[in-house]
Amino acid sequence: MRRAERILAWSCVAAALLGGCKRWRGGGEDAGVPDAGPRGPTPVQLPTEDRWQVVGTLHPGADAQAGAVLLLHQLGSNRSEWQPLIDRLKQPPAITVLSLDLRGHGDSVSGPQSLRRTWESFGEDPARWAGLPRDAVAGARYLFNVNAGAVRSVVVVGSSIGASAAVAGLADEPRVVGLAMISPGIGYHGLDALGPMRSYAALPTTPARTAWLMAAERDEESARAVTLLATEAASIAVERAVVPASDAHGVSLLNAEPARWDALERYVRTVLRAPRRPGRGGP
């Protein structure tokens, strides 16, 4: 499937959630995006190319030019699972973060023709899961257009199937320069991760791309995926960890030891060159 998707132009309704339809650009992929971004945490609703409406929360940072982070949750969860990381990235200098509910999860249950659809209805049909990478594309495109296009680089963080959506959707987007995958799979619900990871590693970017991989040893499928994904990404810098004596999956693995959240924060800040200022409180 094509990963460099083009999302539909933003509607004025979606823009109203960002503070109103101020000065608009002309046509093209920037249409409908306000020149100035919101000041505080703000709900956003983003159209995907296949006519889903995915909902998220934008947490503006201190300087959009420093880059941004896109967060994609695991199966059966929602964007709230990322709060420990969001709290860390709020510490000075605060980094812009967009956390999304993937289609069928949380508030993202409006499918084509505005029909309500939840992930449970997707069943085992790979075709129903194949659209998740488009959610990742919609989130990244939004980040690249908000704040008058100030964001030039993005780190994508995905948990479980969110990791699959991240690499499958954004491997060919050169402005994505960091990829963190927690408890990844290699073919979760039919979403190939190995081919996209190969493409991710092969695409030259500035700064050079990196990856961060973590899984629990007893979560055997994900532990194996970490090894295989690291092999596909051998041409770039990869941090990887397989946590011994654990079967935790997704953010449960991070919640089991706060230092793992700290390590993820350090990775994000290192890629975006926005180290936390010393002497500050917070998580």
Protein backbone atom coordinates (compact mmCIF):
# COMPACT_ATOMS: atom_id res chain seq x y z
CA MET A 1 0.00 0.00 0.00
CA ARG A 2 1.15 3.58 -0.54
CA ARG A 3 2.44 5.19 2.59
CA ALA A 4 2.97 8.74 1.31
CA GLU A 5 -0.78 9.42 1.39
CA ARG A 6 -2.40 12.79 0.79
CA ILE A 7 -5.17 13.67 3.19
CA LEU A 8 -8.26 15.64 2.29
CA ALA A 9 -8.31 19.40 2.74
CA TRP A 10 -9.32 20.43 6.26
CA SER A 11 -12.91 21.50 6.80
CA CYS A 12 -13.74 24.80 8.47
CA VAL A 13 -15.51 22.83 11.19
CA ALA A 14 -12.24 21.14 12.11
CA ALA A 15 -10.46 24.48 11.96
CA ALA A 16 -13.03 26.03 14.28
CA LEU A 17 -11.85 23.65 16.98
CA LEU A 18 -8.43 25.26 16.59
CA GLY A 19 -9.64 28.76 17.26
CA GLY A 20 -11.57 29.73 14.16
CA CYS A 21 -11.09 30.24 10.47
CA LYS A 22 -8.63 33.10 10.43
CA ARG A 23 -6.48 33.82 7.41
CA TRP A 24 -6.56 30.84 5.05
CA ARG A 25 -4.11 29.72 2.47
CA GLY A 26 -5.17 28.77 -0.98
CA GLY A 27 -5.86 25.27 -2.27
CA GLY A 28 -3.72 22.19 -1.95
CA GLU A 29 -2.86 20.20 1.14
CA ASP A 30 -2.56 23.34 3.29
CA ALA A 31 -6.14 24.42 2.63
CA GLY A 32 -8.22 24.96 5.75
CA VAL A 33 -5.28 25.12 8.17
CA PRO A 34 -5.09 28.28 10.29
CA ASP A 35 -1.82 30.17 10.23
CA ALA A 36 -1.62 30.38 14.03
CA GLY A 37 -1.92 27.30 16.23
CA PRO A 38 -3.77 27.02 19.53
CA ARG A 39 -2.28 28.10 22.85
CA GLY A 40 -3.29 25.19 25.09
CA PRO A 41 -4.36 21.54 24.82
CA THR A 42 -6.96 21.51 22.08
CA PRO A 43 -9.15 18.78 20.59
CA VAL A 44 -8.73 18.29 16.86
CA GLN A 45 -10.70 16.28 14.31
CA LEU A 46 -8.82 15.23 11.19
CA PRO A 47 -10.22 13.74 7.97
CA THR A 48 -8.39 10.77 6.48
CA GLU A 49 -8.18 9.98 2.80
CA ASP A 50 -10.71 7.16 3.21
CA ARG A 51 -13.24 9.45 4.93
CA TRP A 52 -12.76 8.57 8.56
CA GLN A 53 -12.69 11.36 11.14
CA VAL A 54 -9.89 10.76 13.63
CA VAL A 55 -9.87 12.72 16.87
CA GLY A 56 -6.87 13.79 18.89
CA THR A 57 -5.48 16.36 21.28
CA LEU A 58 -2.83 18.89 20.32
CA HIS A 59 -0.48 19.96 23.12
CA PRO A 60 1.43 22.99 21.78
CA GLY A 61 5.09 23.30 22.69
CA ALA A 62 7.28 26.29 23.34
CA ASP A 63 8.68 26.39 19.81
CA ALA A 64 7.09 24.48 16.93
CA GLN A 65 10.29 24.88 14.92
CA ALA A 66 11.93 22.53 17.43
CA GLY A 67 9.82 19.71 16.02
CA ALA A 68 6.84 17.72 17.22
CA VAL A 69 5.75 14.27 18.37
CA LEU A 70 2.91 12.09 17.07
CA LEU A 71 1.57 9.43 19.47
CA LEU A 72 -0.31 6.32 18.28
CA HIS A 73 -1.76 3.97 20.91
CA GLN A 74 -2.18 0.20 21.09
CA LEU A 75 -5.17 -1.99 20.25
CA GLY A 76 -8.24 -1.45 22.42
CA SER A 77 -6.82 1.68 24.06
CA ASN A 78 -6.97 5.40 23.32
CA ARG A 79 -4.82 8.51 23.34
CA SER A 80 -4.97 8.86 27.14
CA GLU A 81 -2.43 6.04 27.52
CA TRP A 82 0.31 8.50 26.59
CA GLN A 83 -0.23 10.90 29.49
CA PRO A 84 3.01 9.93 31.30
CA LEU A 85 5.02 10.85 28.19
CA ILE A 86 2.98 13.98 27.52
CA ASP A 87 3.63 15.16 31.08
CA ARG A 88 7.36 14.67 30.57
CA LEU A 89 7.38 16.47 27.23
CA LYS A 90 5.60 19.44 28.83
CA GLN A 91 8.70 20.13 30.89
CA PRO A 92 10.83 23.01 29.59
CA PRO A 93 11.41 23.27 26.79
CA ALA A 94 7.90 21.96 26.08
CA ILE A 95 7.58 19.98 22.85
CA THR A 96 4.52 20.04 20.59
CA VAL A 97 2.61 16.74 20.86
CA LEU A 98 -0.36 15.35 18.96
CA SER A 99 -1.97 12.26 20.51
CA LEU A 100 -4.50 10.50 18.27
CA ASP A 101 -7.29 8.00 18.79
CA LEU A 102 -6.85 5.50 15.97
CA ARG A 103 -9.95 4.65 13.94
CA GLY A 104 -12.47 2.62 15.89
CA HIS A 105 -10.94 3.66 19.22
CA GLY A 106 -11.78 6.32 21.76
CA ASP A 107 -13.47 9.27 20.07
CA SER A 108 -12.50 8.18 16.53
CA VAL A 109 -15.61 6.16 15.72
CA SER A 110 -17.02 8.17 12.81
CA GLY A 111 -16.34 6.24 9.62
CA PRO A 112 -17.43 6.89 6.02
CA GLN A 113 -20.97 8.23 5.69
CA SER A 114 -20.66 9.17 9.39
CA LEU A 115 -21.45 5.59 10.40
CA ARG A 116 -20.35 4.67 13.91
CA ARG A 117 -17.70 1.95 13.79
CA THR A 118 -15.54 0.50 16.55
CA TRP A 119 -12.43 -1.62 16.29
CA GLU A 120 -14.28 -4.69 17.55
CA SER A 121 -16.27 -4.65 14.30
CA PHE A 122 -13.08 -4.96 12.24
CA GLY A 123 -12.77 -8.64 13.15
CA GLU A 124 -9.93 -10.56 11.52
CA ASP A 125 -10.33 -8.99 8.07
CA PRO A 126 -6.96 -7.38 7.17
CA ALA A 127 -8.72 -4.97 4.81
CA ARG A 128 -10.48 -3.34 7.76
CA TRP A 129 -7.19 -2.77 9.54
CA ALA A 130 -5.33 -1.59 6.46
CA GLY A 131 -6.54 1.98 6.92
CA LEU A 132 -4.74 2.55 10.23
CA PRO A 133 -1.59 3.89 8.50
CA ARG A 134 -3.80 6.60 6.97
CA ASP A 135 -4.57 7.80 10.48
CA ALA A 136 -0.84 8.22 11.03
CA VAL A 137 -0.58 10.14 7.76
CA ALA A 138 -3.45 12.45 8.77
CA GLY A 139 -1.76 13.18 12.10
CA ALA A 140 1.61 13.93 10.56
CA ARG A 141 0.14 16.15 7.84
CA TYR A 142 -1.70 18.13 10.48
CA LEU A 143 1.51 18.69 12.45
CA PHE A 144 3.34 19.84 9.33
CA ASN A 145 0.63 22.41 8.57
CA VAL A 146 -0.32 23.82 11.97
CA ASN A 147 1.49 26.92 13.27
CA ALA A 148 1.96 28.23 9.72
CA GLY A 149 3.99 25.18 8.77
CA ALA A 150 6.63 25.79 11.43
CA VAL A 151 7.12 22.10 12.27
CA ARG A 152 9.89 20.69 10.11
CA SER A 153 10.57 17.37 11.82
CA VAL A 154 8.49 14.81 13.69
CA VAL A 155 9.17 11.84 15.94
CA VAL A 156 6.44 9.18 15.81
CA VAL A 157 5.85 6.97 18.84
CA GLY A 158 3.66 3.89 18.48
CA SER A 159 2.59 1.14 20.84
CA SER A 160 1.80 -2.34 19.48
CA ILE A 161 -0.50 -1.89 16.46
CA GLY A 162 0.12 1.86 16.71
CA ALA A 163 3.78 1.10 15.98
CA SER A 164 2.74 -0.83 12.87
CA ALA A 165 0.55 2.06 11.73
CA ALA A 166 3.42 4.48 12.30
CA VAL A 167 6.04 2.72 10.20
CA ALA A 168 3.61 1.57 7.51
CA GLY A 169 2.13 5.04 7.08
CA LEU A 170 5.16 7.27 7.43
CA ALA A 171 8.26 5.37 6.32
CA ASP A 172 8.44 7.45 3.13
CA GLU A 173 7.79 10.83 4.78
CA PRO A 174 11.24 12.49 4.96
CA ARG A 175 10.23 14.89 7.71
CA VAL A 176 9.71 11.95 10.08
CA VAL A 177 13.20 11.60 11.54
CA GLY A 178 12.56 9.47 14.64
CA LEU A 179 10.52 6.32 15.23
CA ALA A 180 9.85 4.68 18.59
CA MET A 181 8.11 1.28 18.57
CA ILE A 182 6.95 -0.31 21.82
CA SER A 183 5.94 -4.00 21.65
CA PRO A 184 5.91 -3.96 17.84
CA GLY A 185 4.66 -6.73 15.58
CA ILE A 186 5.77 -7.67 12.09
CA GLY A 187 2.35 -8.47 10.64
CA TYR A 188 -0.16 -7.40 13.27
CA HIS A 189 -3.65 -7.73 11.73
CA GLY A 190 -2.00 -7.87 8.32
CA LEU A 191 0.05 -4.66 8.70
CA ASP A 192 3.54 -5.35 7.39
CA ALA A 193 6.26 -3.65 9.41
CA LEU A 194 9.45 -5.17 7.99
CA GLY A 195 9.19 -3.77 4.47
CA PRO A 196 8.31 -0.28 5.70
CA MET A 197 11.16 -0.40 8.24
CA ARG A 198 13.54 -1.22 5.41
CA SER A 199 12.23 1.83 3.53
CA TYR A 200 12.43 3.97 6.66
CA ALA A 201 16.10 3.12 7.14
CA ALA A 202 16.95 3.62 3.46
CA LEU A 203 15.57 7.15 3.10
CA PRO A 204 18.22 9.83 3.70
CA THR A 205 17.04 12.68 5.90
CA THR A 206 18.47 15.64 7.79
CA PRO A 207 18.98 14.93 10.61
CA ALA A 208 19.67 11.26 9.93
CA ARG A 209 16.87 8.93 10.94
CA THR A 210 17.04 6.79 14.07
CA ALA A 211 14.80 4.21 15.75
CA TRP A 212 14.01 3.12 19.33
CA LEU A 213 12.62 -0.37 19.93
CA MET A 214 11.43 -2.03 23.16
CA ALA A 215 9.62 -5.24 24.04
CA ALA A 216 9.33 -7.70 26.92
CA GLU A 217 11.26 -10.95 26.71
CA ARG A 218 8.22 -13.11 27.45
CA ASP A 219 6.13 -11.20 24.91
CA GLU A 220 7.74 -13.49 22.39
CA GLU A 221 6.18 -12.15 19.20
CA SER A 222 7.18 -8.57 20.00
CA ALA A 223 10.64 -9.57 21.24
CA ARG A 224 11.24 -11.36 17.96
CA ALA A 225 9.90 -8.35 16.06
CA VAL A 226 12.42 -6.08 17.80
CA THR A 227 15.26 -8.28 16.54
CA LEU A 228 13.91 -8.46 13.00
CA LEU A 229 13.13 -4.75 12.79
CA ALA A 230 16.58 -3.85 14.10
CA THR A 231 18.09 -6.04 11.39
CA GLU A 232 16.09 -4.25 8.69
CA ALA A 233 17.24 -0.91 10.13
CA ALA A 234 20.90 -1.89 10.46
CA SER A 235 22.00 1.05 8.30
CA ILE A 236 20.79 3.63 10.86
CA ALA A 237 21.29 4.14 14.59
CA VAL A 238 18.89 1.92 16.54
CA GLU A 239 18.40 1.76 20.28
CA ARG A 240 16.74 -1.48 21.30
CA ALA A 241 15.87 -3.20 24.55
CA VAL A 242 14.29 -6.54 25.36
CA VAL A 243 13.24 -6.42 29.01
CA PRO A 244 14.01 -9.72 30.76
CA ALA A 245 11.52 -11.67 32.90
CA SER A 246 8.52 -9.64 31.72
CA ASP A 247 5.50 -10.37 29.55
CA ALA A 248 4.08 -6.82 29.67
CA HIS A 249 2.81 -5.44 26.38
CA GLY A 250 2.64 -1.89 25.07
CA VAL A 251 2.54 0.96 27.55
CA SER A 252 2.07 -1.55 30.39
CA LEU A 253 5.76 -2.31 29.85
CA LEU A 254 6.60 1.36 30.37
CA ASN A 255 4.22 1.77 33.30
CA ALA A 256 5.94 -1.10 35.11
CA GLU A 257 9.09 1.00 35.47
CA PRO A 258 8.96 4.82 35.20
CA ALA A 259 12.60 4.86 34.10
CA ARG A 260 11.40 3.38 30.80
CA TRP A 261 9.20 6.41 30.22
CA ASP A 262 12.26 8.54 31.03
CA ALA A 263 14.32 6.66 28.44
CA LEU A 264 11.64 7.24 25.81
CA GLU A 265 11.52 10.94 26.66
CA ARG A 266 15.31 11.16 26.30
CA TYR A 267 15.13 9.53 22.89
CA VAL A 268 12.49 11.99 21.67
CA ARG A 269 14.35 15.00 23.01
CA THR A 270 17.66 13.81 21.59
CA VAL A 271 16.21 13.42 18.10
CA LEU A 272 14.54 16.84 18.25
CA ARG A 273 17.58 18.43 19.91
CA ALA A 274 15.48 19.73 22.78
CA PRO A 275 17.05 18.39 25.99
CA ARG A 276 15.15 19.02 29.19
CA ARG A 277 16.49 22.01 31.08
CA PRO A 278 18.19 21.07 34.36
CA GLY A 279 16.72 22.00 37.72
CA ARG A 280 13.08 21.64 36.70
CA GLY A 281 10.42 19.56 38.41
CA GLY A 282 7.92 17.21 36.85
CA PRO A 283 7.94 13.48 36.14
